[in-house]
Amino acid sequence: MASTKDYLDYILEQLGLLEDISYRAMMGEYILYVQGKVFGGIYDNRFLVKPVKSARAMMPEAPMELPYEGAKEMLLVEDVEDREFLAELVSAMAEELPAPRKKK
């Protein structure tokens, strides 16, 4: 099942307190970026983020889920209603995510 543009738009609206959020459509799903760094995505209308140290600390009870068959597990963000929490989460993650690779 592919994700809907409506759900993507909703998540982007919830992340509206942050600057430099972007996305890219990929095979019916959406990859999410902060400051050019991949931090998560929308998969089957679920908001999943990379299980980096800060995300695990802020969501210790979050279930790990597969975004798609053969992928690494990611953390499911269940509280998508709390805009302040989402801004804090993604900001904390941005600090520890690796810089984007330079294109050849």
PDB file of N, CA and C in Angstrom:
ATOM      1  N   MET A   1       0.841  -1.191   0.000  1.00  0.00           N
ATOM      2  CA  MET A   1       0.000   0.000   0.000  1.00  0.00           C
ATOM      3  C   MET A   1       0.882   1.249   0.000  1.00  0.00           C
ATOM      4  N   ALA A   2       0.665   2.132  -0.911  1.00  0.00           N
ATOM      5  CA  ALA A   2       1.425   3.374  -0.984  1.00  0.00           C
ATOM      6  C   ALA A   2       0.848   4.405  -0.015  1.00  0.00           C
ATOM      7  N   SER A   3       1.661   5.367   0.336  1.00  0.00           N
ATOM      8  CA  SER A   3       1.214   6.443   1.213  1.00  0.00           C
ATOM      9  C   SER A   3       0.458   7.495   0.410  1.00  0.00           C
ATOM     10  N   THR A   4      -0.443   8.197   1.082  1.00  0.00           N
ATOM     11  CA  THR A   4      -1.213   9.233   0.401  1.00  0.00           C
ATOM     12  C   THR A   4      -0.533  10.585   0.535  1.00  0.00           C
ATOM     13  N   LYS A   5      -0.752  11.412  -0.462  1.00  0.00           N
ATOM     14  CA  LYS A   5      -0.224  12.786  -0.422  1.00  0.00           C
ATOM     15  C   LYS A   5      -0.873  13.551   0.722  1.00  0.00           C
ATOM     16  N   ASP A   6      -2.116  13.249   1.040  1.00  0.00           N
ATOM     17  CA  ASP A   6      -2.806  13.912   2.155  1.00  0.00           C
ATOM     18  C   ASP A   6      -2.091  13.655   3.482  1.00  0.00           C
ATOM     19  N   TYR A   7      -1.658  12.408   3.708  1.00  0.00           N
ATOM     20  CA  TYR A   7      -0.951  12.100   4.961  1.00  0.00           C
ATOM     21  C   TYR A   7       0.401  12.803   4.984  1.00  0.00           C
ATOM     22  N   LEU A   8       1.115  12.817   3.862  1.00  0.00           N
ATOM     23  CA  LEU A   8       2.377  13.554   3.780  1.00  0.00           C
ATOM     24  C   LEU A   8       2.149  15.019   4.124  1.00  0.00           C
ATOM     25  N   ASP A   9       1.138  15.633   3.512  1.00  0.00           N
ATOM     26  CA  ASP A   9       0.851  17.049   3.769  1.00  0.00           C
ATOM     27  C   ASP A   9       0.549  17.289   5.243  1.00  0.00           C
ATOM     28  N   TYR A  10      -0.171  16.363   5.869  1.00  0.00           N
ATOM     29  CA  TYR A  10      -0.482  16.485   7.295  1.00  0.00           C
ATOM     30  C   TYR A  10       0.796  16.452   8.130  1.00  0.00           C
ATOM     31  N   ILE A  11       1.676  15.505   7.867  1.00  0.00           N
ATOM     32  CA  ILE A  11       2.929  15.405   8.626  1.00  0.00           C
ATOM     33  C   ILE A  11       3.789  16.645   8.389  1.00  0.00           C
ATOM     34  N   LEU A  12       3.865  17.111   7.158  1.00  0.00           N
ATOM     35  CA  LEU A  12       4.637  18.331   6.871  1.00  0.00           C
ATOM     36  C   LEU A  12       4.059  19.526   7.618  1.00  0.00           C
ATOM     37  N   GLU A  13       2.752  19.594   7.724  1.00  0.00           N
ATOM     38  CA  GLU A  13       2.111  20.662   8.492  1.00  0.00           C
ATOM     39  C   GLU A  13       2.486  20.542   9.973  1.00  0.00           C
ATOM     40  N   GLN A  14       2.492  19.327  10.484  1.00  0.00           N
ATOM     41  CA  GLN A  14       2.851  19.103  11.893  1.00  0.00           C
ATOM     42  C   GLN A  14       4.316  19.461  12.143  1.00  0.00           C
ATOM     43  N   LEU A  15       5.163  19.347  11.133  1.00  0.00           N
ATOM     44  CA  LEU A  15       6.579  19.699  11.252  1.00  0.00           C
ATOM     45  C   LEU A  15       6.826  21.165  10.904  1.00  0.00           C
ATOM     46  N   GLY A  16       5.765  21.936  10.785  1.00  0.00           N
ATOM     47  CA  GLY A  16       5.848  23.322  10.340  1.00  0.00           C
ATOM     48  C   GLY A  16       6.628  24.258  11.238  1.00  0.00           C
ATOM     49  N   LEU A  17       6.904  23.873  12.485  1.00  0.00           N
ATOM     50  CA  LEU A  17       7.693  24.709  13.383  1.00  0.00           C
ATOM     51  C   LEU A  17       9.175  24.679  13.012  1.00  0.00           C
ATOM     52  N   LEU A  18       9.551  23.728  12.171  1.00  0.00           N
ATOM     53  CA  LEU A  18      10.948  23.564  11.761  1.00  0.00           C
ATOM     54  C   LEU A  18      11.193  24.205  10.404  1.00  0.00           C
ATOM     55  N   GLU A  19      12.426  24.607  10.195  1.00  0.00           N
ATOM     56  CA  GLU A  19      12.833  25.112   8.888  1.00  0.00           C
ATOM     57  C   GLU A  19      13.650  24.037   8.193  1.00  0.00           C
ATOM     58  N   ASP A  20      13.774  24.155   6.911  1.00  0.00           N
ATOM     59  CA  ASP A  20      14.610  23.273   6.112  1.00  0.00           C
ATOM     60  C   ASP A  20      14.165  21.812   6.137  1.00  0.00           C
ATOM     61  N   ILE A  21      12.835  21.593   6.126  1.00  0.00           N
ATOM     62  CA  ILE A  21      12.276  20.255   5.981  1.00  0.00           C
ATOM     63  C   ILE A  21      11.910  20.083   4.506  1.00  0.00           C
ATOM     64  N   SER A  22      12.312  18.963   3.938  1.00  0.00           N
ATOM     65  CA  SER A  22      11.974  18.679   2.550  1.00  0.00           C
ATOM     66  C   SER A  22      11.637  17.200   2.422  1.00  0.00           C
ATOM     67  N   TYR A  23      11.154  16.834   1.248  1.00  0.00           N
ATOM     68  CA  TYR A  23      10.808  15.436   1.025  1.00  0.00           C
ATOM     69  C   TYR A  23      11.057  15.083  -0.427  1.00  0.00           C
ATOM     70  N   ARG A  24      11.101  13.775  -0.670  1.00  0.00           N
ATOM     71  CA  ARG A  24      11.217  13.277  -2.039  1.00  0.00           C
ATOM     72  C   ARG A  24      10.345  12.039  -2.151  1.00  0.00           C
ATOM     73  N   ALA A  25       9.536  11.992  -3.186  1.00  0.00           N
ATOM     74  CA  ALA A  25       8.706  10.821  -3.437  1.00  0.00           C
ATOM     75  C   ALA A  25       9.587   9.706  -3.990  1.00  0.00           C
ATOM     76  N   MET A  26       9.344   8.489  -3.483  1.00  0.00           N
ATOM     77  CA  MET A  26      10.116   7.356  -3.954  1.00  0.00           C
ATOM     78  C   MET A  26       9.267   6.089  -3.884  1.00  0.00           C
ATOM     79  N   MET A  27       8.906   5.564  -5.025  1.00  0.00           N
ATOM     80  CA  MET A  27       8.156   4.317  -5.132  1.00  0.00           C
ATOM     81  C   MET A  27       6.877   4.310  -4.283  1.00  0.00           C
ATOM     82  N   GLY A  28       6.115   5.378  -4.341  1.00  0.00           N
ATOM     83  CA  GLY A  28       4.847   5.451  -3.625  1.00  0.00           C
ATOM     84  C   GLY A  28       4.962   5.846  -2.172  1.00  0.00           C
ATOM     85  N   GLU A  29       6.173   6.091  -1.712  1.00  0.00           N
ATOM     86  CA  GLU A  29       6.407   6.515  -0.334  1.00  0.00           C
ATOM     87  C   GLU A  29       7.140   7.851  -0.369  1.00  0.00           C
ATOM     88  N   TYR A  30       7.466   8.407   0.809  1.00  0.00           N
ATOM     89  CA  TYR A  30       8.106   9.719   0.868  1.00  0.00           C
ATOM     90  C   TYR A  30       9.265   9.694   1.855  1.00  0.00           C
ATOM     91  N   ILE A  31      10.437  10.110   1.389  1.00  0.00           N
ATOM     92  CA  ILE A  31      11.624  10.226   2.231  1.00  0.00           C
ATOM     93  C   ILE A  31      11.644  11.649   2.768  1.00  0.00           C
ATOM     94  N   LEU A  32      11.878  11.804   4.077  1.00  0.00           N
ATOM     95  CA  LEU A  32      11.892  13.122   4.710  1.00  0.00           C
ATOM     96  C   LEU A  32      13.316  13.541   5.067  1.00  0.00           C
ATOM     97  N   TYR A  33      13.613  14.819   4.853  1.00  0.00           N
ATOM     98  CA  TYR A  33      14.937  15.374   5.096  1.00  0.00           C
ATOM     99  C   TYR A  33      14.842  16.581   6.015  1.00  0.00           C
ATOM    100  N   VAL A  34      15.863  16.763   6.837  1.00  0.00           N
ATOM    101  CA  VAL A  34      16.041  17.993   7.606  1.00  0.00           C
ATOM    102  C   VAL A  34      17.468  18.455   7.331  1.00  0.00           C
ATOM    103  N   GLN A  35      17.627  19.679   6.900  1.00  0.00           N
ATOM    104  CA  GLN A  35      18.933  20.230   6.547  1.00  0.00           C
ATOM    105  C   GLN A  35      19.656  19.334   5.547  1.00  0.00           C
ATOM    106  N   GLY A  36      18.897  18.716   4.649  1.00  0.00           N
ATOM    107  CA  GLY A  36      19.476  17.846   3.632  1.00  0.00           C
ATOM    108  C   GLY A  36      19.818  16.448   4.116  1.00  0.00           C
ATOM    109  N   LYS A  37      19.545  16.147   5.381  1.00  0.00           N
ATOM    110  CA  LYS A  37      19.856  14.848   5.969  1.00  0.00           C
ATOM    111  C   LYS A  37      18.584  14.011   6.082  1.00  0.00           C
ATOM    112  N   VAL A  38      18.654  12.744   5.687  1.00  0.00           N
ATOM    113  CA  VAL A  38      17.499  11.859   5.809  1.00  0.00           C
ATOM    114  C   VAL A  38      17.271  11.558   7.288  1.00  0.00           C
ATOM    115  N   PHE A  39      16.056  11.838   7.770  1.00  0.00           N
ATOM    116  CA  PHE A  39      15.747  11.509   9.164  1.00  0.00           C
ATOM    117  C   PHE A  39      14.604  10.522   9.281  1.00  0.00           C
ATOM    118  N   GLY A  40      13.851  10.310   8.213  1.00  0.00           N
ATOM    119  CA  GLY A  40      12.729   9.381   8.288  1.00  0.00           C
ATOM    120  C   GLY A  40      11.933   9.388   7.007  1.00  0.00           C
ATOM    121  N   GLY A  41      10.678   8.962   7.135  1.00  0.00           N
ATOM    122  CA  GLY A  41       9.842   8.927   5.959  1.00  0.00           C
ATOM    123  C   GLY A  41       8.409   8.551   6.281  1.00  0.00           C
ATOM    124  N   ILE A  42       7.603   8.613   5.253  1.00  0.00           N
ATOM    125  CA  ILE A  42       6.200   8.203   5.331  1.00  0.00           C
ATOM    126  C   ILE A  42       6.100   6.899   4.553  1.00  0.00           C
ATOM    127  N   TYR A  43       5.739   5.835   5.250  1.00  0.00           N
ATOM    128  CA  TYR A  43       5.639   4.502   4.657  1.00  0.00           C
ATOM    129  C   TYR A  43       4.285   3.917   5.026  1.00  0.00           C
ATOM    130  N   ASP A  44       3.470   3.586   4.043  1.00  0.00           N
ATOM    131  CA  ASP A  44       2.130   3.039   4.289  1.00  0.00           C
ATOM    132  C   ASP A  44       1.346   3.910   5.282  1.00  0.00           C
ATOM    133  N   ASN A  45       1.439   5.218   5.084  1.00  0.00           N
ATOM    134  CA  ASN A  45       0.776   6.204   5.951  1.00  0.00           C
ATOM    135  C   ASN A  45       1.175   6.054   7.419  1.00  0.00           C
ATOM    136  N   ARG A  46       2.437   5.725   7.630  1.00  0.00           N
ATOM    137  CA  ARG A  46       3.031   5.711   8.969  1.00  0.00           C
ATOM    138  C   ARG A  46       4.235   6.642   8.944  1.00  0.00           C
ATOM    139  N   PHE A  47       4.428   7.426   9.999  1.00  0.00           N
ATOM    140  CA  PHE A  47       5.572   8.314  10.117  1.00  0.00           C
ATOM    141  C   PHE A  47       6.654   7.565  10.889  1.00  0.00           C
ATOM    142  N   LEU A  48       7.725   7.191  10.187  1.00  0.00           N
ATOM    143  CA  LEU A  48       8.829   6.448  10.781  1.00  0.00           C
ATOM    144  C   LEU A  48      10.092   7.289  10.756  1.00  0.00           C
ATOM    145  N   VAL A  49      10.913   7.166  11.799  1.00  0.00           N
ATOM    146  CA  VAL A  49      12.185   7.891  11.860  1.00  0.00           C
ATOM    147  C   VAL A  49      13.314   6.919  12.139  1.00  0.00           C
ATOM    148  N   LYS A  50      14.525   7.348  11.787  1.00  0.00           N
ATOM    149  CA  LYS A  50      15.705   6.524  12.032  1.00  0.00           C
ATOM    150  C   LYS A  50      15.864   6.324  13.544  1.00  0.00           C
ATOM    151  N   PRO A  51      16.316   5.151  13.948  1.00  0.00           N
ATOM    152  CA  PRO A  51      16.463   4.873  15.381  1.00  0.00           C
ATOM    153  C   PRO A  51      17.794   5.366  15.948  1.00  0.00           C
ATOM    154  N   VAL A  52      18.070   6.647  15.770  1.00  0.00           N
ATOM    155  CA  VAL A  52      19.297   7.220  16.316  1.00  0.00           C
ATOM    156  C   VAL A  52      19.134   7.415  17.820  1.00  0.00           C
ATOM    157  N   LYS A  53      20.247   7.659  18.508  1.00  0.00           N
ATOM    158  CA  LYS A  53      20.263   7.731  19.972  1.00  0.00           C
ATOM    159  C   LYS A  53      19.235   8.724  20.529  1.00  0.00           C
ATOM    160  N   SER A  54      19.167   9.907  19.961  1.00  0.00           N
ATOM    161  CA  SER A  54      18.241  10.927  20.479  1.00  0.00           C
ATOM    162  C   SER A  54      16.788  10.504  20.300  1.00  0.00           C
ATOM    163  N   ALA A  55      16.462   9.887  19.171  1.00  0.00           N
ATOM    164  CA  ALA A  55      15.086   9.443  18.925  1.00  0.00           C
ATOM    165  C   ALA A  55      14.703   8.335  19.901  1.00  0.00           C
ATOM    166  N   ARG A  56      15.619   7.404  20.138  1.00  0.00           N
ATOM    167  CA  ARG A  56      15.347   6.320  21.095  1.00  0.00           C
ATOM    168  C   ARG A  56      15.140   6.879  22.505  1.00  0.00           C
ATOM    169  N   ALA A  57      15.945   7.884  22.864  1.00  0.00           N
ATOM    170  CA  ALA A  57      15.837   8.484  24.189  1.00  0.00           C
ATOM    171  C   ALA A  57      14.510   9.218  24.364  1.00  0.00           C
ATOM    172  N   MET A  58      14.052   9.877  23.309  1.00  0.00           N
ATOM    173  CA  MET A  58      12.820  10.661  23.401  1.00  0.00           C
ATOM    174  C   MET A  58      11.560   9.812  23.252  1.00  0.00           C
ATOM    175  N   MET A  59      11.712   8.625  22.643  1.00  0.00           N
ATOM    176  CA  MET A  59      10.570   7.724  22.444  1.00  0.00           C
ATOM    177  C   MET A  59      10.963   6.300  22.867  1.00  0.00           C
ATOM    178  N   PRO A  60      11.250   6.103  24.150  1.00  0.00           N
ATOM    179  CA  PRO A  60      11.750   4.791  24.591  1.00  0.00           C
ATOM    180  C   PRO A  60      10.763   3.646  24.396  1.00  0.00           C
ATOM    181  N   GLU A  61       9.490   3.936  24.330  1.00  0.00           N
ATOM    182  CA  GLU A  61       8.470   2.890  24.175  1.00  0.00           C
ATOM    183  C   GLU A  61       8.009   2.712  22.728  1.00  0.00           C
ATOM    184  N   ALA A  62       8.583   3.483  21.817  1.00  0.00           N
ATOM    185  CA  ALA A  62       8.138   3.438  20.415  1.00  0.00           C
ATOM    186  C   ALA A  62       8.443   2.074  19.799  1.00  0.00           C
ATOM    187  N   PRO A  63       7.475   1.518  19.096  1.00  0.00           N
ATOM    188  CA  PRO A  63       7.718   0.231  18.429  1.00  0.00           C
ATOM    189  C   PRO A  63       8.634   0.405  17.215  1.00  0.00           C
ATOM    190  N   MET A  64       9.414  -0.635  16.962  1.00  0.00           N
ATOM    191  CA  MET A  64      10.259  -0.680  15.770  1.00  0.00           C
ATOM    192  C   MET A  64       9.441  -1.355  14.672  1.00  0.00           C
ATOM    193  N   GLU A  65       9.432  -0.758  13.489  1.00  0.00           N
ATOM    194  CA  GLU A  65       8.664  -1.312  12.374  1.00  0.00           C
ATOM    195  C   GLU A  65       9.488  -1.251  11.096  1.00  0.00           C
ATOM    196  N   LEU A  66       9.190  -2.172  10.199  1.00  0.00           N
ATOM    197  CA  LEU A  66       9.837  -2.172   8.891  1.00  0.00           C
ATOM    198  C   LEU A  66       9.118  -1.198   7.965  1.00  0.00           C
ATOM    199  N   PRO A  67       9.854  -0.287   7.345  1.00  0.00           N
ATOM    200  CA  PRO A  67       9.201   0.606   6.391  1.00  0.00           C
ATOM    201  C   PRO A  67       8.733  -0.154   5.148  1.00  0.00           C
ATOM    202  N   TYR A  68       9.522  -1.133   4.731  1.00  0.00           N
ATOM    203  CA  TYR A  68       9.190  -1.982   3.585  1.00  0.00           C
ATOM    204  C   TYR A  68      10.040  -3.242   3.692  1.00  0.00           C
ATOM    205  N   GLU A  69       9.665  -4.257   2.946  1.00  0.00           N
ATOM    206  CA  GLU A  69      10.361  -5.542   2.991  1.00  0.00           C
ATOM    207  C   GLU A  69      11.843  -5.381   2.650  1.00  0.00           C
ATOM    208  N   GLY A  70      12.707  -5.905   3.504  1.00  0.00           N
ATOM    209  CA  GLY A  70      14.141  -5.862   3.261  1.00  0.00           C
ATOM    210  C   GLY A  70      14.840  -4.638   3.828  1.00  0.00           C
ATOM    211  N   ALA A  71      14.097  -3.713   4.412  1.00  0.00           N
ATOM    212  CA  ALA A  71      14.691  -2.491   4.974  1.00  0.00           C
ATOM    213  C   ALA A  71      15.067  -2.702   6.440  1.00  0.00           C
ATOM    214  N   LYS A  72      15.837  -1.774   6.974  1.00  0.00           N
ATOM    215  CA  LYS A  72      16.153  -1.782   8.398  1.00  0.00           C
ATOM    216  C   LYS A  72      14.953  -1.232   9.165  1.00  0.00           C
ATOM    217  N   GLU A  73      14.781  -1.713  10.387  1.00  0.00           N
ATOM    218  CA  GLU A  73      13.667  -1.241  11.203  1.00  0.00           C
ATOM    219  C   GLU A  73      13.858   0.225  11.579  1.00  0.00           C
ATOM    220  N   MET A  74      12.719   0.897  11.720  1.00  0.00           N
ATOM    221  CA  MET A  74      12.699   2.301  12.115  1.00  0.00           C
ATOM    222  C   MET A  74      11.717   2.465  13.260  1.00  0.00           C
ATOM    223  N   LEU A  75      11.795   3.606  13.935  1.00  0.00           N
ATOM    224  CA  LEU A  75      10.885   3.904  15.041  1.00  0.00           C
ATOM    225  C   LEU A  75       9.588   4.499  14.514  1.00  0.00           C
ATOM    226  N   LEU A  76       8.473   3.981  15.004  1.00  0.00           N
ATOM    227  CA  LEU A  76       7.172   4.526  14.642  1.00  0.00           C
ATOM    228  C   LEU A  76       6.860   5.716  15.547  1.00  0.00           C
ATOM    229  N   VAL A  77       6.576   6.857  14.942  1.00  0.00           N
ATOM    230  CA  VAL A  77       6.178   8.041  15.705  1.00  0.00           C
ATOM    231  C   VAL A  77       4.667   7.962  15.863  1.00  0.00           C
ATOM    232  N   GLU A  78       4.233   7.692  17.084  1.00  0.00           N
ATOM    233  CA  GLU A  78       2.803   7.517  17.331  1.00  0.00           C
ATOM    234  C   GLU A  78       2.103   8.829  17.665  1.00  0.00           C
ATOM    235  N   ASP A  79       2.814   9.751  18.316  1.00  0.00           N
ATOM    236  CA  ASP A  79       2.200  11.022  18.726  1.00  0.00           C
ATOM    237  C   ASP A  79       2.477  12.095  17.682  1.00  0.00           C
ATOM    238  N   VAL A  80       1.775  12.016  16.564  1.00  0.00           N
ATOM    239  CA  VAL A  80       1.976  12.993  15.498  1.00  0.00           C
ATOM    240  C   VAL A  80       1.153  14.263  15.713  1.00  0.00           C
ATOM    241  N   GLU A  81       0.356  14.301  16.782  1.00  0.00           N
ATOM    242  CA  GLU A  81      -0.469  15.481  17.076  1.00  0.00           C
ATOM    243  C   GLU A  81       0.328  16.588  17.773  1.00  0.00           C
ATOM    244  N   ASP A  82       1.398  16.226  18.473  1.00  0.00           N
ATOM    245  CA  ASP A  82       2.165  17.169  19.297  1.00  0.00           C
ATOM    246  C   ASP A  82       3.263  17.826  18.457  1.00  0.00           C
ATOM    247  N   ARG A  83       2.964  18.991  17.916  1.00  0.00           N
ATOM    248  CA  ARG A  83       3.896  19.698  17.029  1.00  0.00           C
ATOM    249  C   ARG A  83       5.194  20.076  17.724  1.00  0.00           C
ATOM    250  N   GLU A  84       5.110  20.490  18.994  1.00  0.00           N
ATOM    251  CA  GLU A  84       6.311  20.885  19.729  1.00  0.00           C
ATOM    252  C   GLU A  84       7.228  19.680  19.931  1.00  0.00           C
ATOM    253  N   PHE A  85       6.635  18.535  20.279  1.00  0.00           N
ATOM    254  CA  PHE A  85       7.433  17.318  20.445  1.00  0.00           C
ATOM    255  C   PHE A  85       8.109  16.941  19.134  1.00  0.00           C
ATOM    256  N   LEU A  86       7.375  16.993  18.026  1.00  0.00           N
ATOM    257  CA  LEU A  86       7.942  16.636  16.730  1.00  0.00           C
ATOM    258  C   LEU A  86       9.099  17.565  16.369  1.00  0.00           C
ATOM    259  N   ALA A  87       8.958  18.848  16.635  1.00  0.00           N
ATOM    260  CA  ALA A  87      10.030  19.808  16.350  1.00  0.00           C
ATOM    261  C   ALA A  87      11.259  19.495  17.190  1.00  0.00           C
ATOM    262  N   GLU A  88      11.043  19.189  18.455  1.00  0.00           N
ATOM    263  CA  GLU A  88      12.152  18.846  19.352  1.00  0.00           C
ATOM    264  C   GLU A  88      12.831  17.552  18.898  1.00  0.00           C
ATOM    265  N   LEU A  89      12.033  16.568  18.539  1.00  0.00           N
ATOM    266  CA  LEU A  89      12.557  15.280  18.086  1.00  0.00           C
ATOM    267  C   LEU A  89      13.435  15.437  16.855  1.00  0.00           C
ATOM    268  N   VAL A  90      12.919  16.082  15.833  1.00  0.00           N
ATOM    269  CA  VAL A  90      13.652  16.202  14.571  1.00  0.00           C
ATOM    270  C   VAL A  90      14.879  17.101  14.748  1.00  0.00           C
ATOM    271  N   SER A  91      14.771  18.134  15.557  1.00  0.00           N
ATOM    272  CA  SER A  91      15.935  19.002  15.822  1.00  0.00           C
ATOM    273  C   SER A  91      17.045  18.225  16.508  1.00  0.00           C
ATOM    274  N   ALA A  92      16.687  17.423  17.495  1.00  0.00           N
ATOM    275  CA  ALA A  92      17.686  16.608  18.195  1.00  0.00           C
ATOM    276  C   ALA A  92      18.326  15.606  17.245  1.00  0.00           C
ATOM    277  N   MET A  93      17.511  14.996  16.391  1.00  0.00           N
ATOM    278  CA  MET A  93      18.037  14.025  15.431  1.00  0.00           C
ATOM    279  C   MET A  93      18.992  14.689  14.440  1.00  0.00           C
ATOM    280  N   ALA A  94      18.663  15.902  14.005  1.00  0.00           N
ATOM    281  CA  ALA A  94      19.472  16.604  12.999  1.00  0.00           C
ATOM    282  C   ALA A  94      20.904  16.786  13.469  1.00  0.00           C
ATOM    283  N   GLU A  95      21.073  16.972  14.769  1.00  0.00           N
ATOM    284  CA  GLU A  95      22.412  17.196  15.308  1.00  0.00           C
ATOM    285  C   GLU A  95      23.293  15.956  15.211  1.00  0.00           C
ATOM    286  N   GLU A  96      22.704  14.771  15.269  1.00  0.00           N
ATOM    287  CA  GLU A  96      23.529  13.570  15.242  1.00  0.00           C
ATOM    288  C   GLU A  96      23.518  12.805  13.920  1.00  0.00           C
ATOM    289  N   LEU A  97      22.677  13.222  12.986  1.00  0.00           N
ATOM    290  CA  LEU A  97      22.661  12.558  11.674  1.00  0.00           C
ATOM    291  C   LEU A  97      23.891  12.974  10.864  1.00  0.00           C
ATOM    292  N   PRO A  98      24.428  12.055  10.054  1.00  0.00           N
ATOM    293  CA  PRO A  98      25.581  12.403   9.233  1.00  0.00           C
ATOM    294  C   PRO A  98      25.214  13.413   8.147  1.00  0.00           C
ATOM    295  N   ALA A  99      26.198  14.192   7.762  1.00  0.00           N
ATOM    296  CA  ALA A  99      25.992  15.161   6.674  1.00  0.00           C
ATOM    297  C   ALA A  99      25.692  14.400   5.383  1.00  0.00           C
ATOM    298  N   PRO A 100      24.899  15.008   4.504  1.00  0.00           N
ATOM    299  CA  PRO A 100      24.599  14.331   3.239  1.00  0.00           C
ATOM    300  C   PRO A 100      25.871  14.128   2.421  1.00  0.00           C
ATOM    301  N   ARG A 101      25.909  13.039   1.672  1.00  0.00           N
ATOM    302  CA  ARG A 101      27.058  12.752   0.818  1.00  0.00           C
ATOM    303  C   ARG A 101      27.078  13.708  -0.358  1.00  0.00           C
ATOM    304  N   LYS A 102      28.280  14.081  -0.757  1.00  0.00           N
ATOM    305  CA  LYS A 102      28.409  14.934  -1.929  1.00  0.00           C
ATOM    306  C   LYS A 102      28.198  14.095  -3.177  1.00  0.00           C
ATOM    307  N   LYS A 103      27.444  14.648  -4.118  1.00  0.00           N
ATOM    308  CA  LYS A 103      27.201  13.952  -5.386  1.00  0.00           C
ATOM    309  C   LYS A 103      28.416  14.068  -6.275  1.00  0.00           C
ATOM    310  N   LYS A 104      28.677  12.993  -7.003  1.00  0.00           N
ATOM    311  CA  LYS A 104      29.829  12.999  -7.918  1.00  0.00           C
ATOM    312  C   LYS A 104      29.515  13.729  -9.194  1.00  0.00           C
TER     313      LYS A 104
END
